[in-house]
Structure formats: C-alpha cells, structure tokens
C-alpha cells in the first residue's frame, strides 16, 4: 500500500486526479509565497550592500572634511596670513589698536 502511494506520488497522479484542483491551488499558492520570499531576500541583501557602500562613503567624506578643516585652520594662523600678505607689501601694525568707547545716554 505504501509502495503504491509512493509510486502514485512519483508519477504525479495527485495532479491529474479528480480532486487535483485543490492540489493545484496549493501548489500555486506555495509558488507565489516562495517568489515573494525570494524577492524579499534579494531586496534585503541589496539594502545591506547599499548600507555598506554608504557607510564607506560617509567615512571617506568625514576624512575629507577633517583634512579640509585642518588645512583651513592652518591657513588662518596669523603667521601664515602675515607671510601671504607680505608679498603684497602689507605688514602688521606695530602699534596696537585703540578701543573707542561711546557713551550712550
């Protein structure tokens, strides 16, 4: 009996018997469900790859920001400014600036 059922299963008689409509509905449902699961897994993998790419890009941009900020801070130093404007004939004042106080009444 078991051997006969196994042979019927292997021959695919459950797909052509009288109540095969119920079996076909289940097979189609299971196929659609498998398709949805595969699509979902591929999208999740794609999001992981996008996240890794964006993380690398953030690290690269952060490194570029730190490098640029360091160069700007170096350029703002008084000694660097003085050496750059010396070429134009300007020099720093030897007399300190005076503070002007205005009395408001």
N, C-alpha and C. Protein backbone atom coordinates (compact mmCIF):
# COMPACT_ATOMS: atom_id res chain seq x y z
N UNK A 1 0.82 -1.19 0.00
CA UNK A 1 0.00 0.00 0.00
C UNK A 1 0.87 1.26 0.00
N UNK A 2 1.86 1.27 0.87
CA UNK A 2 2.76 2.42 0.95
C UNK A 2 3.55 2.53 -0.35
N UNK A 3 3.95 1.40 -0.87
CA UNK A 3 4.71 1.39 -2.11
C UNK A 3 3.88 1.95 -3.26
N UNK A 4 2.61 1.58 -3.29
CA UNK A 4 1.70 2.06 -4.35
C UNK A 4 1.50 3.58 -4.25
N UNK A 5 1.30 4.08 -3.02
CA UNK A 5 1.13 5.54 -2.82
C UNK A 5 2.38 6.30 -3.22
N UNK A 6 3.51 5.74 -2.90
CA UNK A 6 4.77 6.37 -3.26
C UNK A 6 4.91 6.42 -4.78
N UNK A 7 4.56 5.34 -5.45
CA UNK A 7 4.62 5.32 -6.92
C UNK A 7 3.63 6.33 -7.52
N UNK A 8 2.42 6.41 -6.95
CA UNK A 8 1.43 7.38 -7.43
C UNK A 8 1.95 8.81 -7.26
N UNK A 9 2.61 9.05 -6.15
CA UNK A 9 3.17 10.37 -5.90
C UNK A 9 4.27 10.69 -6.90
N UNK A 10 5.15 9.73 -7.15
CA UNK A 10 6.23 9.95 -8.10
C UNK A 10 5.72 10.11 -9.53
N UNK A 11 4.64 9.43 -9.87
CA UNK A 11 4.07 9.56 -11.20
C UNK A 11 3.28 10.85 -11.37
N UNK A 12 2.92 11.50 -10.27
CA UNK A 12 2.20 12.76 -10.34
C UNK A 12 0.71 12.58 -10.49
N UNK A 13 0.17 11.48 -10.03
CA UNK A 13 -1.27 11.25 -10.15
C UNK A 13 -2.09 12.24 -9.32
N UNK A 14 -1.49 12.81 -8.30
CA UNK A 14 -2.22 13.79 -7.49
C UNK A 14 -2.49 15.07 -8.28
N UNK A 15 -1.79 15.26 -9.40
CA UNK A 15 -2.00 16.46 -10.22
C UNK A 15 -3.08 16.26 -11.29
N UNK A 16 -3.46 15.00 -11.54
CA UNK A 16 -4.45 14.74 -12.60
C UNK A 16 -5.69 14.03 -12.09
N UNK A 17 -5.76 13.77 -10.81
CA UNK A 17 -6.92 13.08 -10.25
C UNK A 17 -8.11 14.04 -10.19
N UNK A 18 -9.25 13.54 -9.72
CA UNK A 18 -10.49 14.33 -9.68
C UNK A 18 -10.39 15.53 -8.75
N UNK A 19 -9.74 15.37 -7.64
CA UNK A 19 -9.62 16.49 -6.68
C UNK A 19 -8.29 17.24 -6.85
N UNK A 20 -7.75 17.21 -8.04
CA UNK A 20 -6.46 17.85 -8.28
C UNK A 20 -6.53 19.39 -8.23
N UNK A 21 -7.75 19.96 -8.42
CA UNK A 21 -7.88 21.43 -8.37
C UNK A 21 -7.39 21.96 -7.03
N UNK A 22 -7.73 21.26 -5.96
CA UNK A 22 -7.30 21.67 -4.62
C UNK A 22 -5.77 21.59 -4.52
N UNK A 23 -5.19 20.56 -5.09
CA UNK A 23 -3.74 20.43 -5.07
C UNK A 23 -3.07 21.52 -5.90
N UNK A 24 -3.64 21.85 -7.06
CA UNK A 24 -3.07 22.89 -7.91
C UNK A 24 -3.14 24.25 -7.22
N UNK A 25 -4.25 24.52 -6.53
CA UNK A 25 -4.35 25.80 -5.80
C UNK A 25 -3.25 25.92 -4.76
N UNK A 26 -3.02 24.83 -4.03
CA UNK A 26 -1.96 24.86 -3.02
C UNK A 26 -0.59 25.04 -3.66
N UNK A 27 -0.34 24.35 -4.77
CA UNK A 27 0.96 24.46 -5.44
C UNK A 27 1.18 25.88 -5.94
N UNK A 28 0.15 26.50 -6.52
CA UNK A 28 0.27 27.88 -6.99
C UNK A 28 0.50 28.82 -5.82
N UNK A 29 -0.25 28.61 -4.73
CA UNK A 29 -0.08 29.45 -3.54
C UNK A 29 1.34 29.32 -2.99
N UNK A 30 1.83 28.09 -2.88
CA UNK A 30 3.19 27.87 -2.36
C UNK A 30 4.24 28.49 -3.29
N UNK A 31 4.01 28.42 -4.61
CA UNK A 31 4.95 29.02 -5.56
C UNK A 31 4.97 30.54 -5.42
N UNK A 32 3.79 31.14 -5.31
CA UNK A 32 3.74 32.60 -5.12
C UNK A 32 4.41 33.02 -3.82
N UNK A 33 4.15 32.26 -2.77
CA UNK A 33 4.77 32.55 -1.49
C UNK A 33 6.29 32.44 -1.57
N UNK A 34 6.79 31.42 -2.26
CA UNK A 34 8.23 31.26 -2.44
C UNK A 34 8.80 32.42 -3.25
N UNK A 35 8.07 32.86 -4.28
CA UNK A 35 8.52 34.00 -5.08
C UNK A 35 8.62 35.27 -4.24
N UNK A 36 7.62 35.50 -3.39
CA UNK A 36 7.64 36.68 -2.50
C UNK A 36 8.82 36.60 -1.54
N UNK A 37 9.07 35.41 -0.99
CA UNK A 37 10.18 35.26 -0.06
C UNK A 37 11.53 35.49 -0.75
N UNK A 38 11.67 34.99 -1.97
CA UNK A 38 12.93 35.18 -2.70
C UNK A 38 13.13 36.65 -3.02
N UNK A 39 12.07 37.32 -3.47
CA UNK A 39 12.17 38.75 -3.77
C UNK A 39 12.53 39.54 -2.52
N UNK A 40 11.90 39.21 -1.41
CA UNK A 40 12.18 39.90 -0.16
C UNK A 40 13.64 39.70 0.27
N UNK A 41 14.15 38.49 0.12
CA UNK A 41 15.54 38.22 0.49
C UNK A 41 16.51 39.00 -0.40
N UNK A 42 16.21 39.07 -1.70
CA UNK A 42 17.09 39.82 -2.60
C UNK A 42 17.07 41.31 -2.25
N UNK A 43 15.91 41.85 -1.95
CA UNK A 43 15.84 43.27 -1.56
C UNK A 43 16.59 43.53 -0.27
N UNK A 44 16.48 42.62 0.68
CA UNK A 44 17.20 42.79 1.94
C UNK A 44 18.71 42.76 1.69
N UNK A 45 19.17 41.84 0.85
CA UNK A 45 20.60 41.79 0.51
C UNK A 45 21.04 43.07 -0.17
N UNK A 46 20.22 43.60 -1.07
CA UNK A 46 20.55 44.84 -1.78
C UNK A 46 20.66 45.99 -0.79
N UNK A 47 19.76 46.04 0.19
CA UNK A 47 19.82 47.10 1.19
C UNK A 47 21.08 46.99 2.04
N UNK A 48 21.50 45.77 2.34
CA UNK A 48 22.73 45.58 3.12
C UNK A 48 23.93 46.08 2.32
N UNK A 49 23.96 45.77 1.02
CA UNK A 49 25.06 46.25 0.17
C UNK A 49 25.04 47.77 0.05
N UNK A 50 23.86 48.36 -0.10
CA UNK A 50 23.75 49.82 -0.18
C UNK A 50 24.21 50.46 1.12
N UNK A 51 23.84 49.87 2.24
CA UNK A 51 24.24 50.40 3.55
C UNK A 51 25.75 50.35 3.72
N UNK A 52 26.37 49.27 3.30
CA UNK A 52 27.83 49.15 3.40
C UNK A 52 28.51 50.18 2.51
N UNK A 53 27.97 50.37 1.28
CA UNK A 53 28.55 51.36 0.37
C UNK A 53 28.42 52.77 0.94
N UNK A 54 27.25 53.08 1.50
CA UNK A 54 27.04 54.40 2.07
C UNK A 54 27.90 54.62 3.31
N UNK A 55 28.11 53.59 4.10
CA UNK A 55 28.98 53.72 5.28
C UNK A 55 30.41 54.04 4.86
N UNK A 56 30.88 53.37 3.83
CA UNK A 56 32.23 53.67 3.32
C UNK A 56 32.30 55.10 2.80
N UNK A 57 31.25 55.53 2.11
CA UNK A 57 31.23 56.89 1.57
C UNK A 57 31.22 57.92 2.70
N UNK A 58 30.48 57.64 3.77
CA UNK A 58 30.45 58.55 4.92
C UNK A 58 31.84 58.65 5.55
N UNK A 59 32.51 57.51 5.71
CA UNK A 59 33.87 57.54 6.28
C UNK A 59 34.82 58.34 5.40
N UNK A 60 34.70 58.17 4.09
CA UNK A 60 35.55 58.90 3.16
C UNK A 60 35.27 60.41 3.24
N UNK A 61 34.00 60.77 3.27
CA UNK A 61 33.64 62.20 3.34
C UNK A 61 34.05 62.81 4.68
N UNK A 62 33.94 62.03 5.76
CA UNK A 62 34.34 62.54 7.07
C UNK A 62 35.86 62.78 7.08
N UNK A 63 36.61 61.87 6.47
CA UNK A 63 38.06 62.03 6.39
C UNK A 63 38.41 63.27 5.57
N UNK A 64 37.71 63.46 4.45
CA UNK A 64 37.94 64.64 3.62
C UNK A 64 37.60 65.92 4.38
N UNK A 65 36.52 65.89 5.17
CA UNK A 65 36.13 67.06 5.97
C UNK A 65 37.22 67.41 6.99
N UNK A 66 37.73 66.40 7.68
CA UNK A 66 38.76 66.64 8.70
C UNK A 66 40.01 67.21 8.02
N UNK A 67 40.39 66.67 6.88
CA UNK A 67 41.56 67.15 6.16
C UNK A 67 41.37 68.60 5.73
N UNK A 68 40.21 68.92 5.19
CA UNK A 68 39.93 70.29 4.74
C UNK A 68 39.90 71.25 5.93
N UNK A 69 39.29 70.84 7.03
CA UNK A 69 39.23 71.69 8.22
C UNK A 69 40.64 71.97 8.74
N UNK A 70 41.51 70.97 8.72
CA UNK A 70 42.89 71.16 9.17
C UNK A 70 43.63 72.16 8.28
N UNK A 71 43.44 72.02 6.95
CA UNK A 71 44.10 72.97 6.04
C UNK A 71 43.59 74.39 6.23
N UNK A 72 42.29 74.54 6.47
CA UNK A 72 41.73 75.89 6.69
C UNK A 72 42.26 76.47 7.99
N UNK A 73 42.35 75.67 9.03
CA UNK A 73 42.88 76.17 10.30
C UNK A 73 44.34 76.58 10.16
N UNK A 74 45.10 75.83 9.38
CA UNK A 74 46.49 76.21 9.15
C UNK A 74 46.57 77.52 8.37
N UNK A 75 45.68 77.69 7.41
CA UNK A 75 45.70 78.91 6.59
C UNK A 75 45.28 80.12 7.39
N UNK A 76 44.48 79.94 8.44
CA UNK A 76 44.01 81.06 9.25
C UNK A 76 45.02 81.51 10.29
N UNK A 77 46.07 80.75 10.51
CA UNK A 77 47.06 81.14 11.51
C UNK A 77 47.69 82.48 11.14
N UNK A 78 47.96 83.28 12.16
CA UNK A 78 48.49 84.62 11.92
C UNK A 78 49.81 84.59 11.16
N UNK A 79 50.66 83.65 11.48
CA UNK A 79 51.96 83.59 10.81
C UNK A 79 51.77 83.31 9.31
N UNK A 80 50.83 82.46 8.95
CA UNK A 80 50.57 82.17 7.54
C UNK A 80 49.96 83.38 6.82
N UNK A 81 49.06 84.08 7.51
CA UNK A 81 48.44 85.26 6.91
C UNK A 81 49.50 86.34 6.69
N UNK A 82 50.36 86.53 7.67
CA UNK A 82 51.41 87.55 7.55
C UNK A 82 52.34 87.22 6.38
N UNK A 83 52.73 85.99 6.24
CA UNK A 83 53.64 85.64 5.15
C UNK A 83 52.97 85.80 3.78
N UNK A 84 51.69 85.60 3.70
CA UNK A 84 50.99 85.76 2.42
C UNK A 84 50.80 87.23 2.03
N UNK A 85 50.50 88.08 3.01
CA UNK A 85 50.27 89.49 2.67
C UNK A 85 51.57 90.27 2.54
N UNK A 86 52.70 89.71 3.00
CA UNK A 86 53.98 90.36 2.84
C UNK A 86 54.30 90.54 1.36
N UNK A 87 53.88 89.58 0.53
CA UNK A 87 54.12 89.66 -0.91
C UNK A 87 53.42 90.86 -1.52
N UNK A 88 52.32 91.29 -0.90
CA UNK A 88 51.57 92.45 -1.42
C UNK A 88 52.11 93.76 -0.85
N UNK A 89 53.06 93.70 0.02
CA UNK A 89 53.65 94.90 0.59
C UNK A 89 53.00 95.30 1.91
N UNK A 90 52.12 94.52 2.42
CA UNK A 90 51.48 94.83 3.71
C UNK A 90 52.31 94.23 4.83
N UNK A 91 52.25 94.88 5.97
CA UNK A 91 52.93 94.34 7.14
C UNK A 91 52.08 94.61 8.36
N UNK A 92 52.26 93.83 9.40
CA UNK A 92 51.43 94.03 10.59
C UNK A 92 51.79 95.33 11.30
N UNK A 93 50.80 95.92 11.91
CA UNK A 93 50.99 97.19 12.63
C UNK A 93 51.79 96.93 13.90
N UNK A 94 52.67 97.86 14.18
CA UNK A 94 53.47 97.73 15.40
C UNK A 94 52.79 98.42 16.56
N UNK A 95 51.81 99.27 16.27
CA UNK A 95 51.06 99.98 17.31
C UNK A 95 49.73 99.23 17.50
N UNK A 96 49.44 98.83 18.72
CA UNK A 96 48.19 98.09 18.92
C UNK A 96 46.98 99.00 18.68
N UNK A 97 45.86 98.44 18.32
CA UNK A 97 44.66 99.25 18.07
C UNK A 97 44.14 99.87 19.37
N UNK A 98 43.46 101.02 19.22
CA UNK A 98 42.90 101.70 20.39
C UNK A 98 41.39 101.39 20.44
N UNK A 99 40.89 101.23 21.66
CA UNK A 99 39.48 100.95 21.85
C UNK A 99 38.75 102.27 21.98
N UNK A 100 37.70 102.43 21.22
CA UNK A 100 36.87 103.65 21.26
C UNK A 100 35.62 103.30 22.03
N UNK A 101 35.37 104.05 23.09
CA UNK A 101 34.16 103.83 23.89
C UNK A 101 33.18 104.97 23.62
N UNK A 102 31.95 104.61 23.35
CA UNK A 102 30.90 105.61 23.10
C UNK A 102 29.92 105.53 24.24
N UNK A 103 29.70 106.69 24.86
CA UNK A 103 28.75 106.73 25.97
C UNK A 103 27.36 107.03 25.41
N UNK A 104 26.43 106.18 25.67
CA UNK A 104 25.06 106.35 25.21
C UNK A 104 24.21 106.78 26.38
N UNK A 105 23.55 107.96 26.20
CA UNK A 105 22.69 108.47 27.29
C UNK A 105 21.29 108.63 26.85
